[in-house]
Amino acid sequence: MRRLSAWLLAPACLWTLACFLLPMGLMLAVSFASRGPYGGVEWTFTLGNYTELLDPLYWRIYGRSLLLAGATTALCALLGFPLAYAIAASPPPQQRLWLFLLLIPFWTNFLVRTYAWMFILRTDGILGSMLTMLGLSPTAFEVLYSDTAVLIGLVYGYLPFMVLPLYVALERMDPAWLEAGYDLYASDWAVFRRIVVPSARPGLIAGSVLVFIPSLGAYITPDLLGGARSMMLGNLIQHEYLVIRDWPLGSAASLVLMAGVLVGAAILFRNESQLSGARQRDEAASPPASPDVTGQTERGAA
């Protein structure tokens, strides 16, 4: 049995070694090398690439990336939670229809969809034409090539990654829990806070990870909708690799981004596992509640 398991795991391990570990090892080695006078890599050990990333010039890029990624995650959660709840509460045929409509944008290339937002947000585009029809000046609401346009594009692109995990978590919620809450005279807010949100917590965490990580390293959306004034970490790495041809600095920036994401994800999942373990210990330690016979008799008499 162990030999069979080893043979079954071998293709995945070889694929991970060839396509992930070896490139990561090469990028780690390049991050400690020096840039050649005409670009390229000189194999001279140095820590200057990492110390250069501490320059205050890069702090604005770090802050913008974290702010836009956090805002994207928060907006996707606010917009995706009601949508996921509505889909989960619908009959099965309607659920399949809503999920089909949710996944339709994935049939089109992400680059094409981002270009479509450029035509929508530009001054002489669809949004500008609508403002002109309403008698407003389109230049007063110029959005393209700004952080706002980048945020709109990121929310549009990654909203399904928040809705799908939330839908899976809410779809598993037993409707009898909601009925029990209302039978105990709980308000709508209490039912939402004490039943719906805890049931959706795993999906919310998974969706936040799926949205925050790609938003933090986004490249296409900031490049097309933000321009040079809205550079994020993904654009910085591309600029170092392809424009300046400083591969060691680009490798160092890539590793710093990956290390930050891994540390944040590890802290998140560690806290979640501790919270789940504490909840399970509390449930195991608490004695079973005795039935309220008097209350049942009074309600039955009523």
C-alpha atoms as a PDB file:
ATOM      1  CA  MET A   1       0.000   0.000   0.000  1.00  0.00           C
ATOM      2  CA  ARG A   2       2.823   2.409   0.836  1.00  0.00           C
ATOM      3  CA  ARG A   3       4.558   1.586  -2.442  1.00  0.00           C
ATOM      4  CA  LEU A   4       1.352   2.301  -4.370  1.00  0.00           C
ATOM      5  CA  SER A   5       0.939   5.621  -2.543  1.00  0.00           C
ATOM      6  CA  ALA A   6       4.510   6.567  -3.393  1.00  0.00           C
ATOM      7  CA  TRP A   7       3.964   5.833  -7.077  1.00  0.00           C
ATOM      8  CA  LEU A   8       0.750   7.850  -7.079  1.00  0.00           C
ATOM      9  CA  LEU A   9       2.498  10.813  -5.422  1.00  0.00           C
ATOM     10  CA  ALA A  10       5.558  10.682  -7.688  1.00  0.00           C
ATOM     11  CA  PRO A  11       4.095  12.609 -10.697  1.00  0.00           C
ATOM     12  CA  ALA A  12       2.850  15.453  -8.486  1.00  0.00           C
ATOM     13  CA  CYS A  13       6.158  15.622  -6.614  1.00  0.00           C
ATOM     14  CA  LEU A  14       8.178  15.681  -9.831  1.00  0.00           C
ATOM     15  CA  TRP A  15       5.930  18.369 -11.300  1.00  0.00           C
ATOM     16  CA  THR A  16       6.275  20.496  -8.136  1.00  0.00           C
ATOM     17  CA  LEU A  17      10.046  20.023  -8.157  1.00  0.00           C
ATOM     18  CA  ALA A  18      10.457  20.938 -11.835  1.00  0.00           C
ATOM     19  CA  CYS A  19       7.956  23.802 -12.060  1.00  0.00           C
ATOM     20  CA  PHE A  20       8.104  25.361  -8.601  1.00  0.00           C
ATOM     21  CA  LEU A  21      11.063  24.429  -6.418  1.00  0.00           C
ATOM     22  CA  LEU A  22      13.769  24.677  -9.096  1.00  0.00           C
ATOM     23  CA  PRO A  23      12.596  28.102 -10.409  1.00  0.00           C
ATOM     24  CA  MET A  24      12.244  29.330  -6.824  1.00  0.00           C
ATOM     25  CA  GLY A  25      15.771  28.161  -6.030  1.00  0.00           C
ATOM     26  CA  LEU A  26      17.116  29.896  -9.120  1.00  0.00           C
ATOM     27  CA  MET A  27      15.298  33.122  -8.245  1.00  0.00           C
ATOM     28  CA  LEU A  28      16.656  32.927  -4.694  1.00  0.00           C
ATOM     29  CA  ALA A  29      20.197  32.576  -6.022  1.00  0.00           C
ATOM     30  CA  VAL A  30      19.740  35.481  -8.467  1.00  0.00           C
ATOM     31  CA  SER A  31      18.417  37.718  -5.652  1.00  0.00           C
ATOM     32  CA  PHE A  32      21.843  37.550  -3.971  1.00  0.00           C
ATOM     33  CA  ALA A  33      23.731  38.260  -7.212  1.00  0.00           C
ATOM     34  CA  SER A  34      24.683  41.617  -8.747  1.00  0.00           C
ATOM     35  CA  ARG A  35      23.388  43.392 -11.809  1.00  0.00           C
ATOM     36  CA  GLY A  36      25.727  43.483 -14.780  1.00  0.00           C
ATOM     37  CA  PRO A  37      26.726  46.817 -16.334  1.00  0.00           C
ATOM     38  CA  TYR A  38      24.476  46.151 -19.341  1.00  0.00           C
ATOM     39  CA  GLY A  39      21.817  44.156 -17.522  1.00  0.00           C
ATOM     40  CA  GLY A  40      21.855  40.485 -16.801  1.00  0.00           C
ATOM     41  CA  VAL A  41      23.394  38.813 -13.768  1.00  0.00           C
ATOM     42  CA  GLU A  42      26.891  38.795 -12.320  1.00  0.00           C
ATOM     43  CA  TRP A  43      27.415  36.015  -9.794  1.00  0.00           C
ATOM     44  CA  THR A  44      28.868  38.205  -7.074  1.00  0.00           C
ATOM     45  CA  PHE A  45      27.290  37.688  -3.678  1.00  0.00           C
ATOM     46  CA  THR A  46      25.632  40.788  -2.217  1.00  0.00           C
ATOM     47  CA  LEU A  47      22.819  41.782   0.138  1.00  0.00           C
ATOM     48  CA  GLY A  48      22.401  45.123  -1.606  1.00  0.00           C
ATOM     49  CA  ASN A  49      19.249  44.060  -3.435  1.00  0.00           C
ATOM     50  CA  TYR A  50      17.359  43.555  -0.187  1.00  0.00           C
ATOM     51  CA  THR A  51      18.731  46.677   1.458  1.00  0.00           C
ATOM     52  CA  GLU A  52      17.756  48.696  -1.618  1.00  0.00           C
ATOM     53  CA  LEU A  53      14.139  47.603  -1.137  1.00  0.00           C
ATOM     54  CA  LEU A  54      14.209  49.414   2.224  1.00  0.00           C
ATOM     55  CA  ASP A  55      14.600  52.718   0.399  1.00  0.00           C
ATOM     56  CA  PRO A  56      11.694  55.114   1.201  1.00  0.00           C
ATOM     57  CA  LEU A  57      11.126  55.400  -2.551  1.00  0.00           C
ATOM     58  CA  TYR A  58       9.504  51.955  -2.498  1.00  0.00           C
ATOM     59  CA  TRP A  59       7.396  52.456   0.631  1.00  0.00           C
ATOM     60  CA  ARG A  60       4.702  54.281  -1.312  1.00  0.00           C
ATOM     61  CA  ILE A  61       4.397  51.309  -3.679  1.00  0.00           C
ATOM     62  CA  TYR A  62       4.180  48.906  -0.738  1.00  0.00           C
ATOM     63  CA  GLY A  63       1.502  51.016   0.948  1.00  0.00           C
ATOM     64  CA  ARG A  64      -0.533  51.445  -2.230  1.00  0.00           C
ATOM     65  CA  SER A  65      -0.425  47.700  -2.921  1.00  0.00           C
ATOM     66  CA  LEU A  66      -1.542  46.791   0.602  1.00  0.00           C
ATOM     67  CA  LEU A  67      -4.245  49.461   0.644  1.00  0.00           C
ATOM     68  CA  LEU A  68      -5.721  48.492  -2.733  1.00  0.00           C
ATOM     69  CA  ALA A  69      -5.545  44.767  -1.960  1.00  0.00           C
ATOM     70  CA  GLY A  70      -7.241  45.290   1.419  1.00  0.00           C
ATOM     71  CA  ALA A  71      -9.914  47.560  -0.064  1.00  0.00           C
ATOM     72  CA  THR A  72     -10.536  45.048  -2.860  1.00  0.00           C
ATOM     73  CA  THR A  73     -10.979  42.230  -0.342  1.00  0.00           C
ATOM     74  CA  ALA A  74     -13.334  44.296   1.825  1.00  0.00           C
ATOM     75  CA  LEU A  75     -15.492  45.434  -1.121  1.00  0.00           C
ATOM     76  CA  CYS A  76     -15.639  41.900  -2.542  1.00  0.00           C
ATOM     77  CA  ALA A  77     -16.810  40.653   0.864  1.00  0.00           C
ATOM     78  CA  LEU A  78     -19.462  43.391   1.162  1.00  0.00           C
ATOM     79  CA  LEU A  79     -20.741  42.827  -2.373  1.00  0.00           C
ATOM     80  CA  GLY A  80     -20.269  39.073  -2.480  1.00  0.00           C
ATOM     81  CA  PHE A  81     -21.909  38.110   0.821  1.00  0.00           C
ATOM     82  CA  PRO A  82     -25.469  39.182  -0.121  1.00  0.00           C
ATOM     83  CA  LEU A  83     -25.058  37.663  -3.590  1.00  0.00           C
ATOM     84  CA  ALA A  84     -23.770  34.358  -2.209  1.00  0.00           C
ATOM     85  CA  TYR A  85     -26.570  34.252   0.375  1.00  0.00           C
ATOM     86  CA  ALA A  86     -29.204  34.937  -2.278  1.00  0.00           C
ATOM     87  CA  ILE A  87     -27.802  32.167  -4.489  1.00  0.00           C
ATOM     88  CA  ALA A  88     -27.627  29.690  -1.585  1.00  0.00           C
ATOM     89  CA  ALA A  89     -31.216  30.491  -0.558  1.00  0.00           C
ATOM     90  CA  SER A  90     -32.570  29.987  -4.095  1.00  0.00           C
ATOM     91  CA  PRO A  91     -34.055  26.693  -5.363  1.00  0.00           C
ATOM     92  CA  PRO A  92     -31.524  24.340  -7.015  1.00  0.00           C
ATOM     93  CA  PRO A  93     -32.493  25.219 -10.632  1.00  0.00           C
ATOM     94  CA  GLN A  94     -32.069  28.930  -9.920  1.00  0.00           C
ATOM     95  CA  GLN A  95     -28.771  28.242  -8.146  1.00  0.00           C
ATOM     96  CA  ARG A  96     -27.378  26.621 -11.273  1.00  0.00           C
ATOM     97  CA  LEU A  97     -28.554  29.587 -13.367  1.00  0.00           C
ATOM     98  CA  TRP A  98     -26.975  32.170 -11.050  1.00  0.00           C
ATOM     99  CA  LEU A  99     -23.704  30.233 -10.867  1.00  0.00           C
ATOM    100  CA  PHE A 100     -23.682  29.965 -14.653  1.00  0.00           C
ATOM    101  CA  LEU A 101     -24.119  33.742 -14.970  1.00  0.00           C
ATOM    102  CA  LEU A 102     -21.425  34.299 -12.348  1.00  0.00           C
ATOM    103  CA  LEU A 103     -18.907  32.221 -14.287  1.00  0.00           C
ATOM    104  CA  ILE A 104     -19.662  33.670 -17.748  1.00  0.00           C
ATOM    105  CA  PRO A 105     -16.958  36.408 -17.465  1.00  0.00           C
ATOM    106  CA  PHE A 106     -14.313  33.690 -17.161  1.00  0.00           C
ATOM    107  CA  TRP A 107     -15.093  32.689 -20.741  1.00  0.00           C
ATOM    108  CA  THR A 108     -13.431  35.909 -21.881  1.00  0.00           C
ATOM    109  CA  ASN A 109      -9.738  36.672 -21.492  1.00  0.00           C
ATOM    110  CA  PHE A 110      -8.960  38.847 -18.471  1.00  0.00           C
ATOM    111  CA  LEU A 111      -6.927  41.243 -20.620  1.00  0.00           C
ATOM    112  CA  VAL A 112      -9.893  41.818 -22.943  1.00  0.00           C
ATOM    113  CA  ARG A 113     -12.187  42.495 -19.986  1.00  0.00           C
ATOM    114  CA  THR A 114      -9.710  45.011 -18.576  1.00  0.00           C
ATOM    115  CA  TYR A 115      -9.552  46.795 -21.938  1.00  0.00           C
ATOM    116  CA  ALA A 116     -13.358  46.944 -21.841  1.00  0.00           C
ATOM    117  CA  TRP A 117     -13.172  48.817 -18.550  1.00  0.00           C
ATOM    118  CA  MET A 118     -10.805  51.300 -20.198  1.00  0.00           C
ATOM    119  CA  PHE A 119     -13.476  52.094 -22.782  1.00  0.00           C
ATOM    120  CA  ILE A 120     -16.062  52.420 -20.007  1.00  0.00           C
ATOM    121  CA  LEU A 121     -14.073  54.715 -17.710  1.00  0.00           C
ATOM    122  CA  ARG A 122     -12.334  56.943 -20.244  1.00  0.00           C
ATOM    123  CA  THR A 123     -13.582  60.512 -20.628  1.00  0.00           C
ATOM    124  CA  ASP A 124     -15.049  59.922 -24.110  1.00  0.00           C
ATOM    125  CA  GLY A 125     -16.222  56.396 -23.258  1.00  0.00           C
ATOM    126  CA  ILE A 126     -19.537  54.978 -22.111  1.00  0.00           C
ATOM    127  CA  LEU A 127     -19.450  56.638 -18.691  1.00  0.00           C
ATOM    128  CA  GLY A 128     -18.522  60.008 -20.190  1.00  0.00           C
ATOM    129  CA  SER A 129     -21.308  59.752 -22.780  1.00  0.00           C
ATOM    130  CA  MET A 130     -23.870  59.003 -20.076  1.00  0.00           C
ATOM    131  CA  LEU A 131     -22.707  61.977 -18.023  1.00  0.00           C
ATOM    132  CA  THR A 132     -22.923  64.206 -21.099  1.00  0.00           C
ATOM    133  CA  MET A 133     -26.500  63.038 -21.727  1.00  0.00           C
ATOM    134  CA  LEU A 134     -27.347  63.999 -18.143  1.00  0.00           C
ATOM    135  CA  GLY A 135     -25.901  67.461 -18.676  1.00  0.00           C
ATOM    136  CA  LEU A 136     -22.786  66.862 -16.581  1.00  0.00           C
ATOM    137  CA  SER A 137     -19.185  67.392 -17.543  1.00  0.00           C
ATOM    138  CA  PRO A 138     -17.338  64.081 -18.019  1.00  0.00           C
ATOM    139  CA  THR A 139     -14.025  65.676 -17.037  1.00  0.00           C
ATOM    140  CA  ALA A 140     -15.407  66.334 -13.542  1.00  0.00           C
ATOM    141  CA  PHE A 141     -15.682  62.554 -12.983  1.00  0.00           C
ATOM    142  CA  GLU A 142     -12.491  61.457 -14.671  1.00  0.00           C
ATOM    143  CA  VAL A 143     -11.652  58.047 -13.187  1.00  0.00           C
ATOM    144  CA  LEU A 144      -9.284  56.363 -15.619  1.00  0.00           C
ATOM    145  CA  TYR A 145      -5.587  56.259 -14.702  1.00  0.00           C
ATOM    146  CA  SER A 146      -6.204  56.541 -10.965  1.00  0.00           C
ATOM    147  CA  ASP A 147      -6.302  54.302  -7.906  1.00  0.00           C
ATOM    148  CA  THR A 148     -10.095  54.367  -8.107  1.00  0.00           C
ATOM    149  CA  ALA A 149     -10.032  52.798 -11.575  1.00  0.00           C
ATOM    150  CA  VAL A 150      -7.589  50.158 -10.339  1.00  0.00           C
ATOM    151  CA  LEU A 151      -9.897  49.367  -7.415  1.00  0.00           C
ATOM    152  CA  ILE A 152     -12.899  49.047  -9.727  1.00  0.00           C
ATOM    153  CA  GLY A 153     -11.003  46.704 -12.023  1.00  0.00           C
ATOM    154  CA  LEU A 154      -9.714  44.558  -9.155  1.00  0.00           C
ATOM    155  CA  VAL A 155     -13.145  44.214  -7.562  1.00  0.00           C
ATOM    156  CA  TYR A 156     -14.675  43.301 -10.906  1.00  0.00           C
ATOM    157  CA  GLY A 157     -11.991  40.740 -11.663  1.00  0.00           C
ATOM    158  CA  TYR A 158     -11.854  38.976  -8.293  1.00  0.00           C
ATOM    159  CA  LEU A 159     -15.448  39.205  -7.042  1.00  0.00           C
ATOM    160  CA  PRO A 160     -16.316  35.649  -8.212  1.00  0.00           C
ATOM    161  CA  PHE A 161     -13.427  34.299  -6.128  1.00  0.00           C
ATOM    162  CA  MET A 162     -15.196  35.656  -3.048  1.00  0.00           C
ATOM    163  CA  VAL A 163     -18.723  34.637  -4.032  1.00  0.00           C
ATOM    164  CA  LEU A 164     -17.984  30.978  -4.787  1.00  0.00           C
ATOM    165  CA  PRO A 165     -16.419  30.031  -1.393  1.00  0.00           C
ATOM    166  CA  LEU A 166     -19.134  31.980   0.417  1.00  0.00           C
ATOM    167  CA  TYR A 167     -21.812  30.177  -1.582  1.00  0.00           C
ATOM    168  CA  VAL A 168     -20.327  26.772  -0.722  1.00  0.00           C
ATOM    169  CA  ALA A 169     -20.259  27.644   3.001  1.00  0.00           C
ATOM    170  CA  LEU A 170     -23.770  29.133   3.077  1.00  0.00           C
ATOM    171  CA  GLU A 171     -25.259  26.356   0.973  1.00  0.00           C
ATOM    172  CA  ARG A 172     -24.234  23.840   3.656  1.00  0.00           C
ATOM    173  CA  MET A 173     -26.014  25.808   6.392  1.00  0.00           C
ATOM    174  CA  ASP A 174     -29.042  23.968   7.740  1.00  0.00           C
ATOM    175  CA  PRO A 175     -32.214  26.090   7.295  1.00  0.00           C
ATOM    176  CA  ALA A 176     -33.498  24.609  10.553  1.00  0.00           C
ATOM    177  CA  TRP A 177     -30.933  26.747  12.386  1.00  0.00           C
ATOM    178  CA  LEU A 178     -32.584  29.895  11.079  1.00  0.00           C
ATOM    179  CA  GLU A 179     -36.024  28.596  12.024  1.00  0.00           C
ATOM    180  CA  ALA A 180     -34.757  27.770  15.505  1.00  0.00           C
ATOM    181  CA  GLY A 181     -33.386  31.271  15.888  1.00  0.00           C
ATOM    182  CA  TYR A 182     -36.663  32.883  14.932  1.00  0.00           C
ATOM    183  CA  ASP A 183     -38.579  30.430  17.158  1.00  0.00           C
ATOM    184  CA  LEU A 184     -36.466  31.715  20.052  1.00  0.00           C
ATOM    185  CA  TYR A 185     -37.592  35.265  19.170  1.00  0.00           C
ATOM    186  CA  ALA A 186     -34.216  36.379  17.870  1.00  0.00           C
ATOM    187  CA  SER A 187     -34.131  39.481  15.700  1.00  0.00           C
ATOM    188  CA  ASP A 188     -32.917  39.465  12.111  1.00  0.00           C
ATOM    189  CA  TRP A 189     -29.625  41.024  13.170  1.00  0.00           C
ATOM    190  CA  ALA A 190     -29.138  38.425  15.924  1.00  0.00           C
ATOM    191  CA  VAL A 191     -29.839  35.571  13.500  1.00  0.00           C
ATOM    192  CA  PHE A 192     -27.390  37.041  11.010  1.00  0.00           C
ATOM    193  CA  ARG A 193     -24.689  37.630  13.625  1.00  0.00           C
ATOM    194  CA  ARG A 194     -25.050  34.397  15.592  1.00  0.00           C
ATOM    195  CA  ILE A 195     -25.969  31.901  12.837  1.00  0.00           C
ATOM    196  CA  VAL A 196     -25.269  33.156   9.311  1.00  0.00           C
ATOM    197  CA  VAL A 197     -21.874  34.764   9.886  1.00  0.00           C
ATOM    198  CA  PRO A 198     -20.355  31.804  11.823  1.00  0.00           C
ATOM    199  CA  SER A 199     -21.640  29.439   9.130  1.00  0.00           C
ATOM    200  CA  ALA A 200     -20.049  31.577   6.400  1.00  0.00           C
ATOM    201  CA  ARG A 201     -16.758  32.117   8.269  1.00  0.00           C
ATOM    202  CA  PRO A 202     -14.776  29.349   6.463  1.00  0.00           C
ATOM    203  CA  GLY A 203     -15.944  30.611   3.073  1.00  0.00           C
ATOM    204  CA  LEU A 204     -15.181  34.208   4.028  1.00  0.00           C
ATOM    205  CA  ILE A 205     -11.631  33.316   5.053  1.00  0.00           C
ATOM    206  CA  ALA A 206     -11.033  31.248   1.911  1.00  0.00           C
ATOM    207  CA  GLY A 207     -12.492  33.978  -0.306  1.00  0.00           C
ATOM    208  CA  SER A 208     -10.399  36.671   1.394  1.00  0.00           C
ATOM    209  CA  VAL A 209      -7.224  34.689   0.759  1.00  0.00           C
ATOM    210  CA  LEU A 210      -8.200  34.045  -2.874  1.00  0.00           C
ATOM    211  CA  VAL A 211      -8.871  37.766  -3.424  1.00  0.00           C
ATOM    212  CA  PHE A 212      -6.144  39.424  -1.348  1.00  0.00           C
ATOM    213  CA  ILE A 213      -3.153  37.441  -2.628  1.00  0.00           C
ATOM    214  CA  PRO A 214      -3.690  37.975  -6.394  1.00  0.00           C
ATOM    215  CA  SER A 215      -4.771  41.580  -5.779  1.00  0.00           C
ATOM    216  CA  LEU A 216      -1.523  42.269  -3.936  1.00  0.00           C
ATOM    217  CA  GLY A 217       0.558  41.065  -6.886  1.00  0.00           C
ATOM    218  CA  ALA A 218      -1.752  42.304  -9.646  1.00  0.00           C
ATOM    219  CA  TYR A 219      -0.044  43.557 -12.786  1.00  0.00           C
ATOM    220  CA  ILE A 220      -2.467  43.903 -15.731  1.00  0.00           C
ATOM    221  CA  THR A 221      -5.161  45.923 -13.949  1.00  0.00           C
ATOM    222  CA  PRO A 222      -2.830  48.563 -12.422  1.00  0.00           C
ATOM    223  CA  ASP A 223      -0.865  48.804 -15.661  1.00  0.00           C
ATOM    224  CA  LEU A 224      -3.899  49.448 -17.891  1.00  0.00           C
ATOM    225  CA  LEU A 225      -6.322  51.236 -15.562  1.00  0.00           C
ATOM    226  CA  GLY A 226      -3.852  52.980 -13.268  1.00  0.00           C
ATOM    227  CA  GLY A 227      -1.016  53.961 -15.570  1.00  0.00           C
ATOM    228  CA  ALA A 228       2.315  55.143 -14.225  1.00  0.00           C
ATOM    229  CA  ARG A 229       0.699  56.920 -11.277  1.00  0.00           C
ATOM    230  CA  SER A 230      -0.712  53.729  -9.707  1.00  0.00           C
ATOM    231  CA  MET A 231       2.260  51.365  -9.688  1.00  0.00           C
ATOM    232  CA  MET A 232       1.860  48.288  -7.506  1.00  0.00           C
ATOM    233  CA  LEU A 233       4.258  45.518  -6.521  1.00  0.00           C
ATOM    234  CA  GLY A 234       3.523  43.495  -9.648  1.00  0.00           C
ATOM    235  CA  ASN A 235       4.336  46.492 -11.834  1.00  0.00           C
ATOM    236  CA  LEU A 236       7.515  47.148  -9.839  1.00  0.00           C
ATOM    237  CA  ILE A 237       8.724  43.584 -10.426  1.00  0.00           C
ATOM    238  CA  GLN A 238       7.903  43.772 -14.152  1.00  0.00           C
ATOM    239  CA  HIS A 239       9.670  47.139 -14.374  1.00  0.00           C
ATOM    240  CA  GLU A 240      12.828  45.765 -12.764  1.00  0.00           C
ATOM    241  CA  TYR A 241      12.895  42.661 -14.942  1.00  0.00           C
ATOM    242  CA  LEU A 242      11.928  43.983 -18.390  1.00  0.00           C
ATOM    243  CA  VAL A 243      12.625  47.731 -18.371  1.00  0.00           C
ATOM    244  CA  ILE A 244      15.653  48.277 -16.170  1.00  0.00           C
ATOM    245  CA  ARG A 245      16.825  44.673 -16.624  1.00  0.00           C
ATOM    246  CA  ASP A 246      17.827  44.477 -12.968  1.00  0.00           C
ATOM    247  CA  TRP A 247      17.031  40.811 -12.463  1.00  0.00           C
ATOM    248  CA  PRO A 248      18.603  40.550  -8.978  1.00  0.00           C
ATOM    249  CA  LEU A 249      16.480  43.396  -7.618  1.00  0.00           C
ATOM    250  CA  GLY A 250      13.369  42.009  -9.331  1.00  0.00           C
ATOM    251  CA  SER A 251      14.055  38.582  -7.818  1.00  0.00           C
ATOM    252  CA  ALA A 252      14.504  40.112  -4.379  1.00  0.00           C
ATOM    253  CA  ALA A 253      11.230  42.031  -4.702  1.00  0.00           C
ATOM    254  CA  SER A 254       9.434  38.844  -5.815  1.00  0.00           C
ATOM    255  CA  LEU A 255      10.771  36.872  -2.849  1.00  0.00           C
ATOM    256  CA  VAL A 256       9.875  39.632  -0.396  1.00  0.00           C
ATOM    257  CA  LEU A 257       6.323  39.694  -1.782  1.00  0.00           C
ATOM    258  CA  MET A 258       6.036  35.913  -1.559  1.00  0.00           C
ATOM    259  CA  ALA A 259       7.491  35.817   1.956  1.00  0.00           C
ATOM    260  CA  GLY A 260       5.069  38.491   3.145  1.00  0.00           C
ATOM    261  CA  VAL A 261       2.103  36.616   1.698  1.00  0.00           C
ATOM    262  CA  LEU A 262       3.214  33.311   3.236  1.00  0.00           C
ATOM    263  CA  VAL A 263       3.753  34.861   6.668  1.00  0.00           C
ATOM    264  CA  GLY A 264       0.353  36.579   6.567  1.00  0.00           C
ATOM    265  CA  ALA A 265      -1.420  33.392   5.443  1.00  0.00           C
ATOM    266  CA  ALA A 266       0.363  31.347   8.130  1.00  0.00           C
ATOM    267  CA  ILE A 267      -0.706  33.791  10.864  1.00  0.00           C
ATOM    268  CA  LEU A 268      -4.285  33.811   9.568  1.00  0.00           C
ATOM    269  CA  PHE A 269      -4.630  30.032   9.431  1.00  0.00           C
ATOM    270  CA  ARG A 270      -2.849  29.620  12.792  1.00  0.00           C
ATOM    271  CA  ASN A 271      -5.283  31.998  14.489  1.00  0.00           C
ATOM    272  CA  GLU A 272      -8.197  30.299  12.783  1.00  0.00           C
ATOM    273  CA  SER A 273      -7.063  26.842  13.915  1.00  0.00           C
ATOM    274  CA  GLN A 274      -6.582  28.103  17.484  1.00  0.00           C
ATOM    275  CA  LEU A 275     -10.035  29.680  17.474  1.00  0.00           C
ATOM    276  CA  SER A 276     -11.591  26.502  16.088  1.00  0.00           C
ATOM    277  CA  GLY A 277      -9.761  24.364  18.669  1.00  0.00           C
ATOM    278  CA  ALA A 278     -10.879  26.636  21.508  1.00  0.00           C
ATOM    279  CA  ARG A 279     -14.469  26.474  20.247  1.00  0.00           C
ATOM    280  CA  GLN A 280     -14.363  22.687  20.114  1.00  0.00           C
ATOM    281  CA  ARG A 281     -12.897  22.499  23.641  1.00  0.00           C
ATOM    282  CA  ASP A 282     -15.619  24.790  24.967  1.00  0.00           C
ATOM    283  CA  GLU A 283     -18.307  22.687  23.318  1.00  0.00           C
ATOM    284  CA  ALA A 284     -16.804  19.496  24.739  1.00  0.00           C
ATOM    285  CA  ALA A 285     -16.445  20.970  28.238  1.00  0.00           C
ATOM    286  CA  SER A 286     -19.933  22.472  28.436  1.00  0.00           C
ATOM    287  CA  PRO A 287     -22.579  20.056  29.820  1.00  0.00           C
ATOM    288  CA  PRO A 288     -25.571  19.243  27.622  1.00  0.00           C
ATOM    289  CA  ALA A 289     -28.407  21.660  28.154  1.00  0.00           C
ATOM    290  CA  SER A 290     -31.453  20.225  29.894  1.00  0.00           C
ATOM    291  CA  PRO A 291     -34.756  20.652  28.086  1.00  0.00           C
ATOM    292  CA  ASP A 292     -36.920  23.526  29.252  1.00  0.00           C
ATOM    293  CA  VAL A 293     -40.022  21.526  30.019  1.00  0.00           C
ATOM    294  CA  THR A 294     -41.855  24.450  31.582  1.00  0.00           C
ATOM    295  CA  GLY A 295     -41.214  26.644  28.586  1.00  0.00           C
ATOM    296  CA  GLN A 296     -42.320  23.902  26.229  1.00  0.00           C
ATOM    297  CA  THR A 297     -45.527  23.380  28.241  1.00  0.00           C
ATOM    298  CA  GLU A 298     -46.321  27.075  28.306  1.00  0.00           C
ATOM    299  CA  ARG A 299     -45.728  27.421  24.547  1.00  0.00           C
ATOM    300  CA  GLY A 300     -47.830  24.339  23.921  1.00  0.00           C
ATOM    301  CA  ALA A 301     -50.644  25.722  26.028  1.00  0.00           C
ATOM    302  CA  ALA A 302     -50.414  29.036  24.233  1.00  0.00           C
END
